[in-house]
Amino acid sequence: MCGRYSFIPPADFFSRLEITNRDYQLQANYHVTPGSFMPVVFKSSPKQVANMRWGLIPYWAKDPRIAYHTINARVEGLASKPAFRGLLKNRRCLIPASGFFEWARTGNTKKPYFVKLKNHDWFVFAGLYDIWKDPEGMEHKTYTIITVPANSVVAKIHDRMPAILKARDEDLWADNSSYSPNLLRLLVPYPAGDMSLVPASLGEKLV
C-alpha cells in the first residue's frame, strides 16, 4: 500500500520527462495525502503534466466516494477489476515523487518510515488515471498508484510498495498510443539495493 508520499520539484523535471507545457507551476508537498491535487504526467502526444486528485473515480462511477478505496491499484488485479482494467490500454500515467511513507506496527503503536532512493534522486510511480463528470457536467481528473509486492527493504515494515518505474521505462509506460500486455512486466519491485529506509516524523521535511 502507499497512503502518503512526498514530492519536491527537481530542476530537471520538465527536461527528463520531455514535458511540453512548461508553464505549469510545480509546488513542493512533503506529505501528500489521499484527496490531494498533485502533478501527473501523461502522454497526450506529446507528454503533458496536469493537476489530478489522488483517489481514482472511474468515469462510470455513480458515487465519487469510491475514491477513498482506489488510492492504490494492486498489480495482480489490474486486468480483472472493473475500475482499472479498461485504463491499462490508454490511461496510464507517471506520478513524480521524492519518496514515500510507510508505517511499522510495534504492539499497539505505529511508527512512520520514509523510503527513498539512496542517491536522493526523484522517481516516478506507475499509475492510472480517469476523467469523471459530476452531475453538473464538470470534469474531474483523478489517479491511482499501482502497488507491487515489497522488496526486501520495504518488506521490513510492509508487504506492499508502490510500483516505481526505472527511468528507461517511463516513456514506455506513459505512451498511451499503444498497448501490449508486456507493459505489465515493468511493474516489479524496485531494486532493494538502491533504496533506503529511515525513521520519520510527519512534521519533518524529508527528501
C-alpha atoms as a PDB file:
ATOM      1  CA  MET A   1       0.000   0.000   0.000  1.00  0.00           C
ATOM      2  CA  CYS A   2       1.024   3.604  -0.478  1.00  0.00           C
ATOM      3  CA  GLY A   3      -1.009   6.062   1.569  1.00  0.00           C
ATOM      4  CA  ARG A   4       1.329   9.033   1.722  1.00  0.00           C
ATOM      5  CA  TYR A   5       4.256  10.300  -0.304  1.00  0.00           C
ATOM      6  CA  SER A   6       6.468  13.327  -0.831  1.00  0.00           C
ATOM      7  CA  PHE A   7       7.289  15.437  -3.881  1.00  0.00           C
ATOM      8  CA  ILE A   8       9.926  18.165  -4.026  1.00  0.00           C
ATOM      9  CA  PRO A   9      10.136  19.641  -7.552  1.00  0.00           C
ATOM     10  CA  PRO A  10      13.503  18.754  -9.154  1.00  0.00           C
ATOM     11  CA  ALA A  11      15.363  21.061 -11.522  1.00  0.00           C
ATOM     12  CA  ASP A  12      15.269  18.507 -14.354  1.00  0.00           C
ATOM     13  CA  PHE A  13      11.558  17.668 -14.077  1.00  0.00           C
ATOM     14  CA  PHE A  14      10.451  19.066 -17.453  1.00  0.00           C
ATOM     15  CA  SER A  15      13.546  18.007 -19.396  1.00  0.00           C
ATOM     16  CA  ARG A  16      13.754  14.425 -18.119  1.00  0.00           C
ATOM     17  CA  LEU A  17      10.098  13.702 -18.851  1.00  0.00           C
ATOM     18  CA  GLU A  18      10.066  15.801 -22.044  1.00  0.00           C
ATOM     19  CA  ILE A  19       7.013  17.769 -20.958  1.00  0.00           C
ATOM     20  CA  THR A  20       5.755  20.461 -23.300  1.00  0.00           C
ATOM     21  CA  ASN A  21       3.545  22.664 -21.090  1.00  0.00           C
ATOM     22  CA  ARG A  22       6.472  24.131 -19.163  1.00  0.00           C
ATOM     23  CA  ASP A  23       4.398  26.995 -17.774  1.00  0.00           C
ATOM     24  CA  TYR A  24       2.912  24.515 -15.274  1.00  0.00           C
ATOM     25  CA  GLN A  25       3.756  25.667 -11.747  1.00  0.00           C
ATOM     26  CA  LEU A  26       5.305  22.909  -9.635  1.00  0.00           C
ATOM     27  CA  GLN A  27       4.893  23.102  -5.868  1.00  0.00           C
ATOM     28  CA  ALA A  28       6.512  21.076  -3.113  1.00  0.00           C
ATOM     29  CA  ASN A  29       4.319  18.851  -0.980  1.00  0.00           C
ATOM     30  CA  TYR A  30       6.208  16.992   1.728  1.00  0.00           C
ATOM     31  CA  HIS A  31       3.218  14.943   2.861  1.00  0.00           C
ATOM     32  CA  VAL A  32       0.874  14.141   0.001  1.00  0.00           C
ATOM     33  CA  THR A  33      -2.341  12.603   1.314  1.00  0.00           C
ATOM     34  CA  PRO A  34      -5.278  10.976  -0.497  1.00  0.00           C
ATOM     35  CA  GLY A  35      -7.508  13.657  -1.959  1.00  0.00           C
ATOM     36  CA  SER A  36      -4.560  15.961  -2.688  1.00  0.00           C
ATOM     37  CA  PHE A  37      -4.186  17.545  -6.117  1.00  0.00           C
ATOM     38  CA  MET A  38      -0.756  16.673  -7.496  1.00  0.00           C
ATOM     39  CA  PRO A  39       1.143  16.806 -10.795  1.00  0.00           C
ATOM     40  CA  VAL A  40       0.541  13.779 -13.006  1.00  0.00           C
ATOM     41  CA  VAL A  41       2.259  13.238 -16.347  1.00  0.00           C
ATOM     42  CA  PHE A  42       0.510  11.606 -19.279  1.00  0.00           C
ATOM     43  CA  LYS A  43       1.331  11.271 -22.964  1.00  0.00           C
ATOM     44  CA  SER A  44      -1.212  13.172 -24.956  1.00  0.00           C
ATOM     45  CA  SER A  45       1.133  13.421 -27.964  1.00  0.00           C
ATOM     46  CA  PRO A  46       3.385  14.876 -26.633  1.00  0.00           C
ATOM     47  CA  LYS A  47       3.626  14.435 -22.852  1.00  0.00           C
ATOM     48  CA  GLN A  48       1.893  16.939 -20.603  1.00  0.00           C
ATOM     49  CA  VAL A  49       1.551  17.491 -16.871  1.00  0.00           C
ATOM     50  CA  ALA A  50      -1.755  18.279 -15.189  1.00  0.00           C
ATOM     51  CA  ASN A  51      -3.202  18.577 -11.703  1.00  0.00           C
ATOM     52  CA  MET A  52      -5.111  15.453 -10.738  1.00  0.00           C
ATOM     53  CA  ARG A  53      -6.707  14.351  -7.496  1.00  0.00           C
ATOM     54  CA  TRP A  54      -5.333  11.292  -5.729  1.00  0.00           C
ATOM     55  CA  GLY A  55      -8.041   8.644  -5.476  1.00  0.00           C
ATOM     56  CA  LEU A  56      -9.416   7.259  -8.727  1.00  0.00           C
ATOM     57  CA  ILE A  57     -13.034   7.896  -9.694  1.00  0.00           C
ATOM     58  CA  PRO A  58     -13.887   5.715 -12.721  1.00  0.00           C
ATOM     59  CA  TYR A  59     -15.779   7.520 -15.470  1.00  0.00           C
ATOM     60  CA  TRP A  60     -18.799   5.272 -14.857  1.00  0.00           C
ATOM     61  CA  ALA A  61     -18.951   5.789 -11.072  1.00  0.00           C
ATOM     62  CA  LYS A  62     -22.229   6.961  -9.560  1.00  0.00           C
ATOM     63  CA  ASP A  63     -20.678   7.875  -6.205  1.00  0.00           C
ATOM     64  CA  PRO A  64     -17.373   9.807  -6.083  1.00  0.00           C
ATOM     65  CA  ARG A  65     -16.697   8.392  -2.634  1.00  0.00           C
ATOM     66  CA  ILE A  66     -15.301   5.333  -4.388  1.00  0.00           C
ATOM     67  CA  ALA A  67     -12.068   7.362  -4.477  1.00  0.00           C
ATOM     68  CA  TYR A  68     -11.472   6.523  -0.801  1.00  0.00           C
ATOM     69  CA  HIS A  69     -10.958   2.896  -1.858  1.00  0.00           C
ATOM     70  CA  THR A  70      -8.951   3.463  -5.043  1.00  0.00           C
ATOM     71  CA  ILE A  71      -5.835   5.372  -3.998  1.00  0.00           C
ATOM     72  CA  ASN A  72      -3.915   2.192  -4.865  1.00  0.00           C
ATOM     73  CA  ALA A  73      -4.323  -0.486  -7.522  1.00  0.00           C
ATOM     74  CA  ARG A  74      -2.712  -3.867  -6.885  1.00  0.00           C
ATOM     75  CA  VAL A  75      -0.807  -5.056  -9.941  1.00  0.00           C
ATOM     76  CA  GLU A  76      -2.324  -8.521  -9.534  1.00  0.00           C
ATOM     77  CA  GLY A  77      -5.839  -7.148 -10.138  1.00  0.00           C
ATOM     78  CA  LEU A  78      -5.240  -4.601 -12.898  1.00  0.00           C
ATOM     79  CA  ALA A  79      -6.521  -6.822 -15.686  1.00  0.00           C
ATOM     80  CA  SER A  80      -9.605  -8.029 -13.809  1.00  0.00           C
ATOM     81  CA  LYS A  81     -11.003  -5.239 -11.618  1.00  0.00           C
ATOM     82  CA  PRO A  82     -13.622  -3.069 -13.387  1.00  0.00           C
ATOM     83  CA  ALA A  83     -12.168   0.191 -12.051  1.00  0.00           C
ATOM     84  CA  PHE A  84      -8.755  -0.481 -13.608  1.00  0.00           C
ATOM     85  CA  ARG A  85      -8.819  -2.958 -16.493  1.00  0.00           C
ATOM     86  CA  GLY A  86     -10.029  -0.512 -19.145  1.00  0.00           C
ATOM     87  CA  LEU A  87      -7.486   2.122 -18.125  1.00  0.00           C
ATOM     88  CA  LEU A  88      -4.487  -0.079 -18.841  1.00  0.00           C
ATOM     89  CA  LYS A  89      -4.857   0.445 -22.581  1.00  0.00           C
ATOM     90  CA  ASN A  90      -4.964   4.237 -22.787  1.00  0.00           C
ATOM     91  CA  ARG A  91      -4.962   5.897 -19.362  1.00  0.00           C
ATOM     92  CA  ARG A  92      -1.519   5.104 -17.980  1.00  0.00           C
ATOM     93  CA  CYS A  93       0.365   7.903 -16.236  1.00  0.00           C
ATOM     94  CA  LEU A  94       3.503   8.883 -14.335  1.00  0.00           C
ATOM     95  CA  ILE A  95       3.333  10.213 -10.777  1.00  0.00           C
ATOM     96  CA  PRO A  96       6.518  12.037  -9.728  1.00  0.00           C
ATOM     97  CA  ALA A  97       7.744  11.520  -6.169  1.00  0.00           C
ATOM     98  CA  SER A  98      10.754  12.056  -3.933  1.00  0.00           C
ATOM     99  CA  GLY A  99       9.903   9.255  -1.515  1.00  0.00           C
ATOM    100  CA  PHE A 100       7.008   7.599   0.283  1.00  0.00           C
ATOM    101  CA  PHE A 101       5.942   6.823   3.837  1.00  0.00           C
ATOM    102  CA  GLU A 102       5.045   3.502   5.423  1.00  0.00           C
ATOM    103  CA  TRP A 103       4.219   2.585   8.987  1.00  0.00           C
ATOM    104  CA  ALA A 104       5.641  -0.256  11.055  1.00  0.00           C
ATOM    105  CA  ARG A 105       3.459  -1.636  13.815  1.00  0.00           C
ATOM    106  CA  THR A 106       5.037  -2.440  17.165  1.00  0.00           C
ATOM    107  CA  GLY A 107       2.480  -3.654  19.654  1.00  0.00           C
ATOM    108  CA  ASN A 108      -0.230  -1.001  19.764  1.00  0.00           C
ATOM    109  CA  THR A 109       1.878   1.730  18.197  1.00  0.00           C
ATOM    110  CA  LYS A 110       2.743   2.563  14.581  1.00  0.00           C
ATOM    111  CA  LYS A 111       5.999   4.269  13.643  1.00  0.00           C
ATOM    112  CA  PRO A 112       6.413   6.092  10.297  1.00  0.00           C
ATOM    113  CA  TYR A 113       9.343   5.435   7.983  1.00  0.00           C
ATOM    114  CA  PHE A 114      10.406   7.281   4.862  1.00  0.00           C
ATOM    115  CA  VAL A 115      11.521   5.265   1.831  1.00  0.00           C
ATOM    116  CA  LYS A 116      13.716   6.935  -0.785  1.00  0.00           C
ATOM    117  CA  LEU A 117      16.486   6.238  -3.267  1.00  0.00           C
ATOM    118  CA  LYS A 118      19.979   6.054  -1.817  1.00  0.00           C
ATOM    119  CA  ASN A 119      21.234   8.607  -4.335  1.00  0.00           C
ATOM    120  CA  HIS A 120      18.437  11.018  -3.267  1.00  0.00           C
ATOM    121  CA  ASP A 121      17.161  11.223  -6.849  1.00  0.00           C
ATOM    122  CA  TRP A 122      13.469  11.606  -7.630  1.00  0.00           C
ATOM    123  CA  PHE A 123      11.460   8.910  -9.406  1.00  0.00           C
ATOM    124  CA  VAL A 124       8.004   8.173 -10.761  1.00  0.00           C
ATOM    125  CA  PHE A 125       5.287   5.787  -9.654  1.00  0.00           C
ATOM    126  CA  ALA A 126       3.385   3.901 -12.331  1.00  0.00           C
ATOM    127  CA  GLY A 127      -0.238   4.969 -12.219  1.00  0.00           C
ATOM    128  CA  LEU A 128      -3.596   5.029 -13.949  1.00  0.00           C
ATOM    129  CA  TYR A 129      -5.945   7.967 -14.345  1.00  0.00           C
ATOM    130  CA  ASP A 130      -9.512   8.612 -15.407  1.00  0.00           C
ATOM    131  CA  ILE A 131     -11.850  11.539 -16.076  1.00  0.00           C
ATOM    132  CA  TRP A 132     -15.174  11.582 -14.236  1.00  0.00           C
ATOM    133  CA  LYS A 133     -18.028  14.005 -14.875  1.00  0.00           C
ATOM    134  CA  ASP A 134     -20.126  15.154 -11.940  1.00  0.00           C
ATOM    135  CA  PRO A 135     -23.911  15.724 -12.261  1.00  0.00           C
ATOM    136  CA  GLU A 136     -23.246  19.343 -13.306  1.00  0.00           C
ATOM    137  CA  GLY A 137     -21.029  18.171 -16.165  1.00  0.00           C
ATOM    138  CA  MET A 138     -17.734  19.295 -14.625  1.00  0.00           C
ATOM    139  CA  GLU A 139     -14.764  17.043 -15.387  1.00  0.00           C
ATOM    140  CA  HIS A 140     -12.572  15.688 -12.586  1.00  0.00           C
ATOM    141  CA  LYS A 141      -9.184  14.090 -13.337  1.00  0.00           C
ATOM    142  CA  THR A 142      -8.191  11.516 -10.721  1.00  0.00           C
ATOM    143  CA  TYR A 143      -5.427   8.936 -10.365  1.00  0.00           C
ATOM    144  CA  THR A 144      -4.322   5.809  -8.557  1.00  0.00           C
ATOM    145  CA  ILE A 145      -0.856   4.482  -7.699  1.00  0.00           C
ATOM    146  CA  ILE A 146      -0.101   0.893  -8.702  1.00  0.00           C
ATOM    147  CA  THR A 147       1.389  -1.315  -5.990  1.00  0.00           C
ATOM    148  CA  VAL A 148       3.539  -4.450  -6.172  1.00  0.00           C
ATOM    149  CA  PRO A 149       4.936  -6.883  -3.588  1.00  0.00           C
ATOM    150  CA  ALA A 150       7.540  -5.232  -1.363  1.00  0.00           C
ATOM    151  CA  ASN A 151      11.257  -5.629  -1.974  1.00  0.00           C
ATOM    152  CA  SER A 152      13.488  -6.763   0.899  1.00  0.00           C
ATOM    153  CA  VAL A 153      13.959  -3.208   2.232  1.00  0.00           C
ATOM    154  CA  VAL A 154      10.282  -2.254   2.376  1.00  0.00           C
ATOM    155  CA  ALA A 155       9.293  -5.766   3.500  1.00  0.00           C
ATOM    156  CA  LYS A 156      10.793  -4.950   6.904  1.00  0.00           C
ATOM    157  CA  ILE A 157       7.743  -2.774   7.567  1.00  0.00           C
ATOM    158  CA  HIS A 158       5.100  -3.653   4.944  1.00  0.00           C
ATOM    159  CA  ASP A 159       4.280  -6.349   2.390  1.00  0.00           C
ATOM    160  CA  ARG A 160       3.439  -3.899  -0.441  1.00  0.00           C
ATOM    161  CA  MET A 161       5.150  -0.948  -2.104  1.00  0.00           C
ATOM    162  CA  PRO A 162       4.406   1.444  -4.984  1.00  0.00           C
ATOM    163  CA  ALA A 163       5.466   0.390  -8.466  1.00  0.00           C
ATOM    164  CA  ILE A 164       8.487   2.615  -9.175  1.00  0.00           C
ATOM    165  CA  LEU A 165       9.498   2.719 -12.822  1.00  0.00           C
ATOM    166  CA  LYS A 166      13.094   2.640 -13.960  1.00  0.00           C
ATOM    167  CA  ALA A 167      13.946   5.836 -15.845  1.00  0.00           C
ATOM    168  CA  ARG A 168      14.346   3.944 -19.118  1.00  0.00           C
ATOM    169  CA  ASP A 169      10.778   2.600 -18.816  1.00  0.00           C
ATOM    170  CA  GLU A 170       8.985   5.870 -18.046  1.00  0.00           C
ATOM    171  CA  ASP A 171       8.241   6.767 -21.656  1.00  0.00           C
ATOM    172  CA  LEU A 172       7.008   3.255 -22.455  1.00  0.00           C
ATOM    173  CA  TRP A 173       4.501   3.362 -19.617  1.00  0.00           C
ATOM    174  CA  ALA A 174       3.271   6.865 -20.439  1.00  0.00           C
ATOM    175  CA  ASP A 175       2.792   6.212 -24.165  1.00  0.00           C
ATOM    176  CA  ASN A 176      -0.951   5.648 -24.435  1.00  0.00           C
ATOM    177  CA  SER A 177      -0.875   5.458 -28.237  1.00  0.00           C
ATOM    178  CA  SER A 178      -0.292   1.717 -27.998  1.00  0.00           C
ATOM    179  CA  TYR A 179      -0.673  -1.125 -25.510  1.00  0.00           C
ATOM    180  CA  SER A 180       0.932  -4.511 -25.016  1.00  0.00           C
ATOM    181  CA  PRO A 181       0.454  -6.935 -22.114  1.00  0.00           C
ATOM    182  CA  ASN A 182       4.256  -6.868 -21.897  1.00  0.00           C
ATOM    183  CA  LEU A 183       3.937  -3.472 -20.204  1.00  0.00           C
ATOM    184  CA  LEU A 184       2.920  -5.312 -17.045  1.00  0.00           C
ATOM    185  CA  ARG A 185       6.473  -6.671 -16.876  1.00  0.00           C
ATOM    186  CA  LEU A 186       7.609  -3.155 -15.971  1.00  0.00           C
ATOM    187  CA  LEU A 187       5.614  -3.342 -12.739  1.00  0.00           C
ATOM    188  CA  VAL A 188       8.044  -5.116 -10.433  1.00  0.00           C
ATOM    189  CA  PRO A 189       9.590  -4.299  -7.044  1.00  0.00           C
ATOM    190  CA  TYR A 190      12.300  -1.656  -7.378  1.00  0.00           C
ATOM    191  CA  PRO A 191      15.824  -2.987  -6.672  1.00  0.00           C
ATOM    192  CA  ALA A 192      16.271  -3.099  -2.900  1.00  0.00           C
ATOM    193  CA  GLY A 193      19.958  -2.241  -3.122  1.00  0.00           C
ATOM    194  CA  ASP A 194      19.094   1.197  -4.489  1.00  0.00           C
ATOM    195  CA  MET A 195      16.680   2.126  -1.689  1.00  0.00           C
ATOM    196  CA  SER A 196      16.960   3.221   1.923  1.00  0.00           C
ATOM    197  CA  LEU A 197      14.548   3.257   4.836  1.00  0.00           C
ATOM    198  CA  VAL A 198      14.792   5.922   7.532  1.00  0.00           C
ATOM    199  CA  PRO A 199      12.683   6.640  10.642  1.00  0.00           C
ATOM    200  CA  ALA A 200      10.466   9.645  10.043  1.00  0.00           C
ATOM    201  CA  SER A 201       8.297  12.220  11.698  1.00  0.00           C
ATOM    202  CA  LEU A 202       5.378  13.571   9.697  1.00  0.00           C
ATOM    203  CA  GLY A 203       6.456  17.043  10.739  1.00  0.00           C
ATOM    204  CA  GLU A 204       9.814  16.671   9.000  1.00  0.00           C
ATOM    205  CA  LYS A 205      10.679  17.841   5.503  1.00  0.00           C
ATOM    206  CA  LEU A 206      12.310  14.665   4.245  1.00  0.00           C
ATOM    207  CA  VAL A 207      13.981  14.371   0.849  1.00  0.00           C
END
